[in-house]
Protein backbone atom coordinates (compact mmCIF):
# COMPACT_ATOMS: atom_id res chain seq x y z
CA MET A 1 6.20 -13.27 -23.71
CA LYS A 2 2.59 -13.28 -22.39
CA LYS A 3 1.26 -14.19 -25.85
CA THR A 4 3.71 -17.09 -26.16
CA LEU A 5 2.75 -18.35 -22.72
CA ALA A 6 -0.96 -18.10 -23.56
CA VAL A 7 -0.47 -20.04 -26.82
CA ALA A 8 1.51 -22.72 -24.98
CA LEU A 9 -1.18 -23.09 -22.32
CA VAL A 10 -3.92 -23.40 -24.95
CA ALA A 11 -1.89 -26.06 -26.77
CA ILE A 12 -1.38 -28.04 -23.55
CA ALA A 13 -5.10 -27.82 -22.75
CA LEU A 14 -6.02 -29.08 -26.23
CA VAL A 15 -3.65 -32.03 -25.99
CA ALA A 16 -4.98 -32.92 -22.53
CA ALA A 17 -8.57 -32.71 -23.78
CA CYS A 18 -7.83 -35.26 -26.50
CA GLY A 19 -7.40 -37.89 -23.80
CA GLY A 20 -5.36 -41.05 -23.77
CA GLY A 21 -5.18 -43.79 -26.28
CA GLY A 22 -8.08 -45.93 -27.21
CA PRO A 23 -11.77 -46.30 -27.78
CA SER A 24 -14.72 -45.70 -25.47
CA GLN A 25 -16.22 -48.57 -23.51
CA PRO A 26 -18.79 -50.40 -25.65
CA SER A 27 -22.23 -51.03 -24.20
CA GLY A 28 -22.49 -54.48 -22.64
CA SER A 29 -18.74 -54.96 -22.32
CA THR A 30 -16.85 -55.91 -19.17
CA LYS A 31 -14.30 -53.29 -18.10
CA VAL A 32 -11.01 -54.69 -16.82
CA THR A 33 -8.31 -52.36 -15.52
CA MET A 34 -4.76 -53.69 -15.71
CA THR A 35 -1.99 -52.43 -13.42
CA GLU A 36 1.19 -53.79 -11.86
CA PHE A 37 0.43 -56.62 -11.19
CA LYS A 38 -3.29 -57.25 -11.09
CA PHE A 39 -6.58 -57.19 -12.94
CA ASP A 40 -9.52 -55.24 -11.51
CA PRO A 41 -11.81 -57.07 -11.23
CA SER A 42 -9.86 -60.31 -10.91
CA THR A 43 -13.02 -62.44 -10.90
CA ILE A 44 -15.29 -62.04 -13.92
CA SER A 45 -18.54 -63.79 -14.86
CA ALA A 46 -20.12 -63.68 -18.30
CA PRO A 47 -22.65 -65.69 -20.33
CA SER A 48 -21.40 -68.20 -22.91
CA GLY A 49 -21.00 -67.09 -26.50
CA LYS A 50 -19.52 -63.75 -27.49
CA VAL A 51 -17.74 -61.88 -24.68
CA VAL A 52 -16.47 -58.31 -25.04
CA PHE A 53 -13.85 -56.87 -22.70
CA PHE A 54 -12.91 -53.21 -22.42
CA LEU A 55 -9.29 -53.31 -21.30
CA VAL A 56 -7.76 -50.24 -19.67
CA ASN A 57 -4.05 -50.19 -18.89
CA GLY A 58 -3.76 -48.04 -15.79
CA GLY A 59 -0.23 -49.23 -15.17
CA SER A 60 3.16 -47.97 -16.21
CA VAL A 61 4.17 -50.90 -18.45
CA ALA A 62 2.43 -52.81 -21.27
CA HIS A 63 -0.07 -55.56 -20.38
CA ASP A 64 -2.39 -58.01 -22.12
CA LEU A 65 -5.17 -60.39 -21.10
CA VAL A 66 -4.95 -64.06 -22.05
CA ILE A 67 -7.62 -66.71 -21.40
CA ARG A 68 -6.46 -70.24 -20.54
CA ASP A 69 -8.72 -73.26 -19.98
CA SER A 70 -8.41 -75.77 -17.12
CA SER A 71 -6.17 -78.00 -19.28
CA GLY A 72 -3.69 -75.16 -19.76
CA ASN A 73 -4.67 -74.44 -23.35
CA ARG A 74 -4.68 -70.83 -24.52
CA LYS A 75 -8.20 -69.99 -25.74
CA ALA A 76 -7.79 -66.31 -26.66
CA GLY A 77 -5.58 -63.33 -26.02
CA SER A 78 -5.73 -59.58 -26.42
CA GLU A 79 -3.20 -57.39 -28.12
CA LEU A 80 -0.44 -55.87 -26.00
CA ILE A 81 -1.77 -52.61 -24.57
CA SER A 82 0.65 -49.79 -23.81
CA ALA A 83 0.58 -47.93 -20.50
CA GLY A 84 -2.28 -45.43 -20.46
CA ASP A 85 -4.08 -46.96 -23.45
CA SER A 86 -7.30 -48.94 -23.75
CA SER A 87 -8.59 -51.54 -26.18
CA VAL A 88 -11.69 -53.57 -26.96
CA PHE A 89 -10.99 -57.33 -26.85
CA THR A 90 -13.70 -59.58 -28.26
CA VAL A 91 -13.89 -63.36 -27.87
CA ASP A 92 -16.38 -64.49 -30.50
CA SER A 93 -17.30 -67.80 -28.89
CA ILE A 94 -16.42 -69.21 -25.51
CA ALA A 95 -18.04 -72.24 -23.91
CA ALA A 96 -19.35 -72.50 -20.36
CA GLY A 97 -16.61 -73.26 -17.87
CA THR A 98 -14.00 -71.79 -15.59
CA TYR A 99 -10.92 -70.18 -17.12
CA THR A 100 -7.79 -68.47 -15.89
CA ILE A 101 -7.07 -64.96 -17.10
CA PHE A 102 -3.49 -63.75 -16.94
CA CYS A 103 -0.97 -61.33 -18.42
CA ASP A 104 1.59 -63.28 -20.43
CA GLN A 105 4.32 -60.64 -20.28
CA ALA A 106 7.45 -62.02 -18.66
CA GLY A 107 7.00 -62.36 -14.89
CA HIS A 108 3.57 -60.74 -14.71
CA GLU A 109 1.50 -63.85 -13.98
CA SER A 110 3.98 -65.04 -11.35
CA SER A 111 3.79 -61.56 -9.78
CA GLY A 112 0.04 -62.03 -9.26
CA MET A 113 -1.45 -60.71 -12.49
CA LYS A 114 -4.06 -63.42 -12.91
CA GLY A 115 -7.69 -64.09 -12.12
CA THR A 116 -10.74 -66.21 -12.89
CA LEU A 117 -13.24 -66.00 -15.74
CA THR A 118 -16.43 -67.97 -15.24
CA ILE A 119 -18.60 -68.49 -18.31
CA THR A 120 -22.17 -69.62 -17.56
């Protein structure tokens, strides 16, 4: 019984040590944590050109990050990220301006999951 318990505890420790889903944060990227129903930070500034986001879903449901320009046009969007996972989202070229970021899952934006991206 003690041996079985010891093996089970070691297995649990190994699984916990493996961590959650996703890559490490790349150098120079902007970390954005997504939860119900907000982005942290909700106001982001970055230089024009290539922008790299490190998205962490700290919530309990799937989220994504979509970039919309002032005319309402979708400029880019991340993949859907499961609860507890993380992902690197790269926008290869984005012009200077002010954009809205939001989660396009049903009801998330209207629940407050939106923010501002300023590209200088």
